[in-house]
């Protein structure tokens, strides 16, 4: 299996892991922020993750990915069923990416000042961006897991843990 196909497979598996968790949660644990916390809700984190995938998928054909141009679909934050459906859509769309060469050149922008224009874009590849998406998703899953544990909701011990860390744990 080529590296881009493997990266796609890993991203799809990670998104499906999040989908499974989301569907197992009570609505309030998904939607609500922890009282007294400034942290996002679990739904907010899930929406953010899915927004990044949408930006990647939307920009890939033109070779220009702008992670700052997120849709911020509030329905994903509030409706677990809708979030699961969006995960399914992203997984189907990602499966089509495997046909794109990992070395495809891209320009990418993220966390830029809106006034920077084209100067805020940097060179990358589809393969590298899939690695970034995986890491970004793991990071937000870890935040989701932390929020849920504060609600005293059990979360699988491998949820929000980097693949390299999981491999290290298995080697001990």
N, C-alpha and C. Protein backbone atom coordinates (compact mmCIF):
# COMPACT_ATOMS: atom_id res chain seq x y z
N UNK A 1 0.85 -1.18 0.00
CA UNK A 1 0.00 0.00 0.00
C UNK A 1 0.89 1.24 0.00
N UNK A 2 0.57 2.20 -0.86
CA UNK A 2 1.35 3.43 -0.94
C UNK A 2 1.17 4.29 0.29
N UNK A 3 2.10 5.23 0.48
CA UNK A 3 2.05 6.06 1.68
C UNK A 3 0.80 6.93 1.72
N UNK A 4 0.35 7.44 0.58
CA UNK A 4 -0.86 8.27 0.62
C UNK A 4 -2.09 7.43 0.94
N UNK A 5 -2.15 6.22 0.40
CA UNK A 5 -3.28 5.33 0.71
C UNK A 5 -3.28 4.98 2.19
N UNK A 6 -2.10 4.75 2.75
CA UNK A 6 -2.00 4.44 4.18
C UNK A 6 -2.41 5.64 5.02
N UNK A 7 -1.98 6.83 4.62
CA UNK A 7 -2.38 8.04 5.35
C UNK A 7 -3.88 8.26 5.30
N UNK A 8 -4.47 8.03 4.13
CA UNK A 8 -5.93 8.15 4.00
C UNK A 8 -6.60 7.13 4.91
N UNK A 9 -6.14 5.90 4.88
CA UNK A 9 -6.72 4.84 5.71
C UNK A 9 -6.65 5.19 7.19
N UNK A 10 -5.54 5.72 7.62
CA UNK A 10 -5.37 6.10 9.04
C UNK A 10 -6.29 7.26 9.42
N UNK A 11 -6.43 8.23 8.54
CA UNK A 11 -7.34 9.35 8.81
C UNK A 11 -8.78 8.87 8.87
N UNK A 12 -9.17 8.02 7.94
CA UNK A 12 -10.54 7.49 7.93
C UNK A 12 -10.80 6.70 9.22
N UNK A 13 -9.86 5.86 9.62
CA UNK A 13 -10.03 5.08 10.85
C UNK A 13 -10.17 6.00 12.06
N UNK A 14 -9.40 7.07 12.10
CA UNK A 14 -9.47 8.01 13.21
C UNK A 14 -10.81 8.74 13.23
N UNK A 15 -11.27 9.16 12.06
CA UNK A 15 -12.58 9.81 12.00
C UNK A 15 -13.69 8.86 12.43
N UNK A 16 -13.61 7.62 12.03
CA UNK A 16 -14.63 6.64 12.44
C UNK A 16 -14.59 6.39 13.96
N UNK A 17 -13.40 6.44 14.54
CA UNK A 17 -13.28 6.31 16.00
C UNK A 17 -14.03 7.46 16.68
N UNK A 18 -13.87 8.67 16.15
CA UNK A 18 -14.58 9.82 16.70
C UNK A 18 -16.08 9.71 16.51
N UNK A 19 -16.49 9.22 15.35
CA UNK A 19 -17.91 9.01 15.07
C UNK A 19 -18.53 8.07 16.09
N UNK A 20 -17.84 7.00 16.35
CA UNK A 20 -18.34 6.01 17.31
C UNK A 20 -18.51 6.62 18.69
N UNK A 21 -17.52 7.37 19.13
CA UNK A 21 -17.60 8.01 20.44
C UNK A 21 -18.76 8.99 20.49
N UNK A 22 -18.87 9.82 19.46
CA UNK A 22 -19.92 10.84 19.41
C UNK A 22 -21.31 10.19 19.52
N UNK A 23 -21.53 9.10 18.82
CA UNK A 23 -22.84 8.47 18.84
C UNK A 23 -23.14 7.79 20.18
N UNK A 24 -22.11 7.50 20.95
CA UNK A 24 -22.30 6.87 22.26
C UNK A 24 -22.54 7.87 23.38
N UNK A 25 -22.38 9.14 23.10
CA UNK A 25 -22.49 10.16 24.15
C UNK A 25 -23.93 10.61 24.38
N UNK A 26 -24.22 11.01 25.61
CA UNK A 26 -25.49 11.71 25.84
C UNK A 26 -25.43 13.09 25.16
N UNK A 27 -26.57 13.60 24.74
CA UNK A 27 -26.61 14.88 24.04
C UNK A 27 -25.94 16.00 24.83
N UNK A 28 -26.22 16.08 26.14
CA UNK A 28 -25.67 17.19 26.92
C UNK A 28 -24.15 17.11 26.98
N UNK A 29 -23.59 15.92 27.08
CA UNK A 29 -22.13 15.78 27.13
C UNK A 29 -21.50 16.18 25.79
N UNK A 30 -22.23 16.04 24.71
CA UNK A 30 -21.72 16.42 23.39
C UNK A 30 -21.80 17.93 23.17
N UNK A 31 -22.91 18.52 23.58
CA UNK A 31 -23.20 19.92 23.23
C UNK A 31 -22.68 20.95 24.22
N UNK A 32 -22.69 20.61 25.48
CA UNK A 32 -22.49 21.65 26.50
C UNK A 32 -21.03 21.81 26.89
N UNK A 33 -20.72 23.06 27.21
CA UNK A 33 -19.41 23.36 27.78
C UNK A 33 -19.47 23.04 29.26
N UNK A 34 -18.36 22.65 29.80
CA UNK A 34 -18.27 22.38 31.23
C UNK A 34 -18.50 23.68 31.99
N UNK A 35 -19.39 23.68 32.99
CA UNK A 35 -19.63 24.93 33.74
C UNK A 35 -18.32 25.49 34.29
N UNK A 36 -18.14 26.81 34.08
CA UNK A 36 -16.95 27.47 34.57
C UNK A 36 -15.73 27.32 33.67
N UNK A 37 -15.90 26.63 32.55
CA UNK A 37 -14.78 26.39 31.65
C UNK A 37 -14.89 27.28 30.42
N UNK A 38 -13.76 27.71 29.91
CA UNK A 38 -13.75 28.46 28.66
C UNK A 38 -13.49 27.52 27.49
N UNK A 39 -13.28 26.23 27.78
CA UNK A 39 -12.99 25.26 26.73
C UNK A 39 -14.21 25.03 25.86
N UNK A 40 -13.97 24.65 24.62
CA UNK A 40 -15.04 24.29 23.70
C UNK A 40 -15.78 23.06 24.20
N UNK A 41 -16.96 22.86 23.67
CA UNK A 41 -17.69 21.63 23.93
C UNK A 41 -17.07 20.50 23.10
N UNK A 42 -17.43 19.27 23.41
CA UNK A 42 -17.00 18.14 22.59
C UNK A 42 -17.47 18.36 21.15
N UNK A 43 -18.71 18.80 21.00
CA UNK A 43 -19.24 19.09 19.66
C UNK A 43 -18.45 20.18 18.95
N UNK A 44 -18.00 21.17 19.70
CA UNK A 44 -17.18 22.23 19.10
C UNK A 44 -15.86 21.70 18.58
N UNK A 45 -15.25 20.81 19.34
CA UNK A 45 -14.01 20.19 18.88
C UNK A 45 -14.25 19.33 17.64
N UNK A 46 -15.35 18.58 17.65
CA UNK A 46 -15.64 17.72 16.51
C UNK A 46 -15.90 18.56 15.26
N UNK A 47 -16.63 19.64 15.43
CA UNK A 47 -16.88 20.53 14.30
C UNK A 47 -15.57 21.09 13.76
N UNK A 48 -14.69 21.50 14.64
CA UNK A 48 -13.40 22.06 14.23
C UNK A 48 -12.59 21.04 13.43
N UNK A 49 -12.53 19.82 13.91
CA UNK A 49 -11.81 18.75 13.21
C UNK A 49 -12.40 18.56 11.81
N UNK A 50 -13.72 18.45 11.73
CA UNK A 50 -14.36 18.21 10.44
C UNK A 50 -14.19 19.41 9.49
N UNK A 51 -14.14 20.61 10.05
CA UNK A 51 -13.89 21.79 9.22
C UNK A 51 -12.52 21.71 8.55
N UNK A 52 -11.52 21.23 9.28
CA UNK A 52 -10.18 21.13 8.70
C UNK A 52 -10.16 20.12 7.55
N UNK A 53 -10.85 19.01 7.74
CA UNK A 53 -10.93 18.03 6.64
C UNK A 53 -11.65 18.62 5.44
N UNK A 54 -12.71 19.38 5.68
CA UNK A 54 -13.45 20.00 4.57
C UNK A 54 -12.56 20.97 3.81
N UNK A 55 -11.77 21.76 4.52
CA UNK A 55 -10.86 22.70 3.85
C UNK A 55 -9.84 21.95 3.00
N UNK A 56 -9.29 20.87 3.55
CA UNK A 56 -8.33 20.06 2.80
C UNK A 56 -8.98 19.51 1.53
N UNK A 57 -10.13 18.90 1.68
CA UNK A 57 -10.79 18.26 0.54
C UNK A 57 -11.26 19.28 -0.50
N UNK A 58 -11.71 20.43 -0.04
CA UNK A 58 -12.17 21.47 -0.96
C UNK A 58 -11.00 22.07 -1.74
N UNK A 59 -9.88 22.28 -1.08
CA UNK A 59 -8.75 22.95 -1.73
C UNK A 59 -7.83 22.04 -2.52
N UNK A 60 -7.89 20.75 -2.26
CA UNK A 60 -6.97 19.81 -2.89
C UNK A 60 -7.00 19.84 -4.42
N UNK A 61 -8.16 19.82 -5.05
CA UNK A 61 -8.17 19.81 -6.52
C UNK A 61 -7.45 21.00 -7.15
N UNK A 62 -7.54 22.16 -6.52
CA UNK A 62 -6.88 23.37 -7.05
C UNK A 62 -5.45 23.51 -6.53
N UNK A 63 -5.06 22.66 -5.58
CA UNK A 63 -3.72 22.76 -5.02
C UNK A 63 -3.54 23.93 -4.08
N UNK A 64 -4.64 24.40 -3.50
CA UNK A 64 -4.61 25.59 -2.63
C UNK A 64 -5.55 25.36 -1.45
N UNK A 65 -4.97 25.06 -0.30
CA UNK A 65 -5.76 24.73 0.88
C UNK A 65 -5.68 25.89 1.87
N UNK A 66 -6.84 26.38 2.26
CA UNK A 66 -6.91 27.50 3.20
C UNK A 66 -7.69 27.04 4.44
N UNK A 67 -6.96 26.63 5.45
CA UNK A 67 -7.59 26.15 6.68
C UNK A 67 -8.27 27.27 7.45
N UNK A 68 -8.00 28.51 7.08
CA UNK A 68 -8.66 29.64 7.74
C UNK A 68 -10.06 29.89 7.16
N UNK A 69 -10.38 29.27 6.03
CA UNK A 69 -11.67 29.47 5.37
C UNK A 69 -12.64 28.36 5.79
N UNK A 70 -12.79 28.16 7.09
CA UNK A 70 -13.64 27.08 7.60
C UNK A 70 -15.11 27.48 7.56
N UNK A 71 -15.97 26.46 7.39
CA UNK A 71 -17.41 26.69 7.30
C UNK A 71 -18.05 26.93 8.67
N UNK A 72 -17.53 26.29 9.69
CA UNK A 72 -18.04 26.43 11.07
C UNK A 72 -19.53 26.11 11.15
N UNK A 73 -19.89 24.92 10.70
CA UNK A 73 -21.28 24.45 10.69
C UNK A 73 -21.74 24.20 12.13
N UNK A 74 -22.51 25.13 12.67
CA UNK A 74 -22.98 25.03 14.04
C UNK A 74 -23.83 23.78 14.30
N UNK A 75 -24.44 23.26 13.27
CA UNK A 75 -25.27 22.06 13.45
C UNK A 75 -24.42 20.85 13.88
N UNK A 76 -23.18 20.79 13.39
CA UNK A 76 -22.29 19.70 13.79
C UNK A 76 -22.02 19.77 15.29
N UNK A 77 -21.95 20.98 15.84
CA UNK A 77 -21.68 21.16 17.27
C UNK A 77 -22.85 20.73 18.14
N UNK A 78 -24.06 20.78 17.60
CA UNK A 78 -25.26 20.55 18.40
C UNK A 78 -25.93 19.20 18.17
N UNK A 79 -25.74 18.63 17.01
CA UNK A 79 -26.49 17.44 16.60
C UNK A 79 -25.53 16.28 16.33
N UNK A 80 -25.51 15.32 17.22
CA UNK A 80 -24.58 14.17 17.10
C UNK A 80 -24.85 13.37 15.82
N UNK A 81 -26.11 13.21 15.45
CA UNK A 81 -26.44 12.48 14.23
C UNK A 81 -25.92 13.19 12.99
N UNK A 82 -26.05 14.50 12.98
CA UNK A 82 -25.53 15.28 11.85
C UNK A 82 -24.01 15.18 11.81
N UNK A 83 -23.37 15.26 12.97
CA UNK A 83 -21.91 15.13 13.03
C UNK A 83 -21.48 13.78 12.47
N UNK A 84 -22.18 12.71 12.84
CA UNK A 84 -21.85 11.37 12.34
C UNK A 84 -22.02 11.31 10.82
N UNK A 85 -23.06 11.95 10.29
CA UNK A 85 -23.28 11.96 8.85
C UNK A 85 -22.16 12.72 8.13
N UNK A 86 -21.71 13.81 8.73
CA UNK A 86 -20.61 14.58 8.13
C UNK A 86 -19.33 13.76 8.17
N UNK A 87 -19.09 13.02 9.25
CA UNK A 87 -17.93 12.13 9.30
C UNK A 87 -18.00 11.14 8.15
N UNK A 88 -19.17 10.54 7.94
CA UNK A 88 -19.33 9.58 6.84
C UNK A 88 -19.00 10.22 5.50
N UNK A 89 -19.47 11.45 5.29
CA UNK A 89 -19.19 12.17 4.04
C UNK A 89 -17.69 12.39 3.87
N UNK A 90 -17.04 12.85 4.93
CA UNK A 90 -15.59 13.11 4.86
C UNK A 90 -14.83 11.82 4.56
N UNK A 91 -15.25 10.71 5.14
CA UNK A 91 -14.57 9.43 4.90
C UNK A 91 -14.68 9.01 3.44
N UNK A 92 -15.86 9.18 2.86
CA UNK A 92 -16.04 8.86 1.44
C UNK A 92 -15.17 9.77 0.59
N UNK A 93 -15.18 11.06 0.90
CA UNK A 93 -14.37 12.01 0.13
C UNK A 93 -12.88 11.70 0.27
N UNK A 94 -12.44 11.35 1.48
CA UNK A 94 -11.03 11.01 1.68
C UNK A 94 -10.63 9.78 0.89
N UNK A 95 -11.53 8.82 0.76
CA UNK A 95 -11.19 7.59 0.04
C UNK A 95 -10.85 7.90 -1.42
N UNK A 96 -11.37 8.99 -1.94
CA UNK A 96 -11.07 9.41 -3.32
C UNK A 96 -9.68 10.05 -3.43
N UNK A 97 -9.15 10.51 -2.32
CA UNK A 97 -7.85 11.18 -2.30
C UNK A 97 -6.73 10.20 -2.62
N UNK A 98 -6.94 8.92 -2.36
CA UNK A 98 -5.90 7.92 -2.58
C UNK A 98 -5.42 7.91 -4.03
N UNK A 99 -6.23 8.42 -4.93
CA UNK A 99 -5.84 8.45 -6.34
C UNK A 99 -4.90 9.61 -6.65
N UNK A 100 -4.73 10.52 -5.70
CA UNK A 100 -3.87 11.70 -5.92
C UNK A 100 -2.45 11.37 -5.46
N UNK A 101 -1.48 11.74 -6.24
CA UNK A 101 -0.08 11.47 -5.89
C UNK A 101 0.30 12.20 -4.61
N UNK A 102 1.02 11.52 -3.74
CA UNK A 102 1.47 12.10 -2.48
C UNK A 102 2.38 13.30 -2.70
N UNK A 103 3.00 13.35 -3.84
CA UNK A 103 3.94 14.44 -4.11
C UNK A 103 3.27 15.65 -4.75
N UNK A 104 1.95 15.63 -4.90
CA UNK A 104 1.26 16.79 -5.48
C UNK A 104 1.63 18.03 -4.68
N UNK A 105 2.08 19.04 -5.36
CA UNK A 105 2.44 20.29 -4.69
C UNK A 105 1.18 21.06 -4.32
N UNK A 106 1.22 21.65 -3.16
CA UNK A 106 0.10 22.44 -2.66
C UNK A 106 0.65 23.72 -2.04
N UNK A 107 -0.22 24.71 -1.94
CA UNK A 107 0.06 25.84 -1.06
C UNK A 107 -1.01 25.80 0.02
N UNK A 108 -0.59 26.12 1.23
CA UNK A 108 -1.46 25.95 2.40
C UNK A 108 -1.36 27.20 3.29
N UNK A 109 -2.51 27.57 3.85
CA UNK A 109 -2.53 28.67 4.82
C UNK A 109 -3.30 28.22 6.05
N UNK A 110 -2.77 28.58 7.21
CA UNK A 110 -3.45 28.27 8.47
C UNK A 110 -3.03 29.29 9.52
N UNK A 111 -4.00 29.77 10.27
CA UNK A 111 -3.77 30.73 11.35
C UNK A 111 -3.02 31.97 10.89
N UNK A 112 -3.42 32.48 9.73
CA UNK A 112 -2.77 33.66 9.18
C UNK A 112 -3.58 34.91 9.50
N UNK A 113 -2.92 36.02 9.48
CA UNK A 113 -3.59 37.30 9.58
C UNK A 113 -4.30 37.54 8.24
N UNK A 114 -5.58 37.87 8.25
CA UNK A 114 -6.31 38.05 6.99
C UNK A 114 -5.65 39.05 6.03
N UNK A 115 -4.91 39.99 6.55
CA UNK A 115 -4.25 40.98 5.70
C UNK A 115 -3.01 40.46 5.00
N UNK A 116 -2.56 39.26 5.34
CA UNK A 116 -1.33 38.73 4.75
C UNK A 116 -1.50 38.29 3.31
N UNK A 117 -2.71 38.01 2.88
CA UNK A 117 -2.97 37.59 1.50
C UNK A 117 -2.18 36.36 1.12
N UNK A 118 -1.66 36.35 -0.11
CA UNK A 118 -0.94 35.18 -0.62
C UNK A 118 0.38 34.94 0.11
N UNK A 119 0.92 35.96 0.80
CA UNK A 119 2.17 35.78 1.53
C UNK A 119 2.04 34.78 2.67
N UNK A 120 0.81 34.49 3.10
CA UNK A 120 0.58 33.58 4.22
C UNK A 120 0.57 32.11 3.80
N UNK A 121 0.64 31.84 2.51
CA UNK A 121 0.61 30.46 2.02
C UNK A 121 2.02 29.87 2.00
N UNK A 122 2.12 28.59 2.37
CA UNK A 122 3.40 27.87 2.37
C UNK A 122 3.27 26.62 1.51
N UNK A 123 4.38 26.13 1.03
CA UNK A 123 4.39 24.92 0.19
C UNK A 123 4.18 23.67 1.06
N UNK A 124 3.49 22.69 0.49
CA UNK A 124 3.28 21.42 1.16
C UNK A 124 2.94 20.38 0.10
N UNK A 125 2.56 19.17 0.55
CA UNK A 125 2.09 18.11 -0.34
C UNK A 125 0.83 17.49 0.26
N UNK A 126 0.09 16.77 -0.56
CA UNK A 126 -1.11 16.10 -0.05
C UNK A 126 -0.73 15.11 1.04
N UNK A 127 0.36 14.39 0.86
CA UNK A 127 0.80 13.43 1.87
C UNK A 127 1.11 14.09 3.20
N UNK A 128 1.80 15.22 3.15
CA UNK A 128 2.14 15.95 4.38
C UNK A 128 0.88 16.48 5.05
N UNK A 129 -0.04 17.00 4.28
CA UNK A 129 -1.27 17.53 4.87
C UNK A 129 -2.11 16.44 5.51
N UNK A 130 -2.09 15.24 4.96
CA UNK A 130 -2.78 14.12 5.61
C UNK A 130 -2.14 13.79 6.95
N UNK A 131 -0.81 13.92 7.04
CA UNK A 131 -0.14 13.72 8.32
C UNK A 131 -0.55 14.81 9.32
N UNK A 132 -0.62 16.04 8.84
CA UNK A 132 -1.02 17.15 9.70
C UNK A 132 -2.45 16.95 10.19
N UNK A 133 -3.34 16.54 9.29
CA UNK A 133 -4.73 16.31 9.69
C UNK A 133 -4.83 15.22 10.75
N UNK A 134 -4.05 14.18 10.61
CA UNK A 134 -4.06 13.10 11.60
C UNK A 134 -3.63 13.64 12.97
N UNK A 135 -2.53 14.37 13.00
CA UNK A 135 -2.02 14.92 14.25
C UNK A 135 -3.01 15.91 14.86
N UNK A 136 -3.58 16.77 14.02
CA UNK A 136 -4.56 17.76 14.48
C UNK A 136 -5.78 17.07 15.09
N UNK A 137 -6.24 16.01 14.44
CA UNK A 137 -7.41 15.27 14.93
C UNK A 137 -7.10 14.60 16.26
N UNK A 138 -5.96 13.95 16.37
CA UNK A 138 -5.57 13.32 17.64
C UNK A 138 -5.54 14.36 18.75
N UNK A 139 -4.98 15.51 18.47
CA UNK A 139 -4.90 16.59 19.46
C UNK A 139 -6.30 16.99 19.96
N UNK A 140 -7.23 17.18 19.04
CA UNK A 140 -8.58 17.59 19.46
C UNK A 140 -9.34 16.43 20.11
N UNK A 141 -9.06 15.21 19.70
CA UNK A 141 -9.66 14.07 20.39
C UNK A 141 -9.17 14.00 21.84
N UNK A 142 -7.90 14.32 22.06
CA UNK A 142 -7.37 14.33 23.43
C UNK A 142 -8.09 15.38 24.27
N UNK A 143 -8.35 16.54 23.67
CA UNK A 143 -9.09 17.57 24.38
C UNK A 143 -10.52 17.12 24.68
N UNK A 144 -11.15 16.46 23.70
CA UNK A 144 -12.49 15.92 23.90
C UNK A 144 -12.49 14.91 25.03
N UNK A 145 -11.51 14.01 25.03
CA UNK A 145 -11.43 12.98 26.07
C UNK A 145 -11.28 13.62 27.45
N UNK A 146 -10.47 14.66 27.53
CA UNK A 146 -10.28 15.35 28.80
C UNK A 146 -11.59 15.97 29.29
N UNK A 147 -12.31 16.61 28.39
CA UNK A 147 -13.61 17.19 28.76
C UNK A 147 -14.57 16.12 29.24
N UNK A 148 -14.63 15.02 28.52
CA UNK A 148 -15.56 13.95 28.89
C UNK A 148 -15.21 13.33 30.23
N UNK A 149 -13.94 13.17 30.48
CA UNK A 149 -13.52 12.62 31.78
C UNK A 149 -13.90 13.56 32.92
N UNK A 150 -13.90 14.88 32.65
CA UNK A 150 -14.35 15.83 33.65
C UNK A 150 -15.85 15.65 33.93
N UNK A 151 -16.58 15.16 32.94
CA UNK A 151 -18.00 14.88 33.09
C UNK A 151 -18.20 13.49 33.69
N UNK A 152 -17.11 12.79 34.01
CA UNK A 152 -17.13 11.41 34.54
C UNK A 152 -17.73 10.44 33.53
N UNK A 153 -17.40 10.67 32.26
CA UNK A 153 -17.83 9.78 31.18
C UNK A 153 -16.62 8.98 30.74
N UNK A 154 -16.78 7.67 30.70
CA UNK A 154 -15.68 6.80 30.29
C UNK A 154 -15.37 7.01 28.81
N UNK A 155 -14.09 7.09 28.53
CA UNK A 155 -13.58 7.25 27.16
C UNK A 155 -12.57 6.13 26.94
N UNK A 156 -12.58 5.50 25.78
CA UNK A 156 -11.58 4.45 25.53
C UNK A 156 -10.17 4.97 25.81
N UNK A 157 -9.33 4.16 26.42
CA UNK A 157 -7.99 4.65 26.80
C UNK A 157 -7.12 5.05 25.61
N UNK A 158 -7.42 4.57 24.41
CA UNK A 158 -6.62 4.93 23.24
C UNK A 158 -7.19 6.12 22.48
N UNK A 159 -8.31 6.68 22.94
CA UNK A 159 -8.93 7.81 22.25
C UNK A 159 -8.12 9.07 22.52
N UNK A 160 -7.68 9.72 21.46
CA UNK A 160 -6.90 10.95 21.61
C UNK A 160 -5.44 10.70 21.91
N UNK A 161 -4.96 9.50 21.59
CA UNK A 161 -3.56 9.16 21.81
C UNK A 161 -2.90 8.96 20.45
N UNK A 162 -1.75 9.57 20.27
CA UNK A 162 -1.04 9.51 18.99
C UNK A 162 -0.65 8.07 18.63
N UNK A 163 -0.69 7.74 17.34
CA UNK A 163 -0.31 6.39 16.91
C UNK A 163 1.08 5.97 17.39
N UNK A 164 2.03 6.89 17.40
CA UNK A 164 3.38 6.55 17.87
C UNK A 164 3.37 6.22 19.36
N UNK A 165 2.57 6.92 20.12
CA UNK A 165 2.46 6.64 21.56
C UNK A 165 1.81 5.28 21.78
N UNK A 166 0.76 4.99 21.02
CA UNK A 166 0.11 3.68 21.15
C UNK A 166 1.10 2.55 20.82
N UNK A 167 1.91 2.75 19.78
CA UNK A 167 2.93 1.74 19.41
C UNK A 167 3.95 1.60 20.53
N UNK A 168 4.34 2.71 21.15
CA UNK A 168 5.28 2.64 22.26
C UNK A 168 4.68 1.88 23.43
N UNK A 169 3.43 2.17 23.76
CA UNK A 169 2.77 1.45 24.86
C UNK A 169 2.75 -0.05 24.60
N UNK A 170 2.46 -0.43 23.35
CA UNK A 170 2.42 -1.85 23.01
C UNK A 170 3.79 -2.51 23.13
N UNK A 171 4.84 -1.74 22.95
CA UNK A 171 6.20 -2.31 23.00
C UNK A 171 6.70 -2.51 24.43
N UNK A 172 6.03 -1.93 25.39
CA UNK A 172 6.49 -2.04 26.80
C UNK A 172 6.20 -3.40 27.38
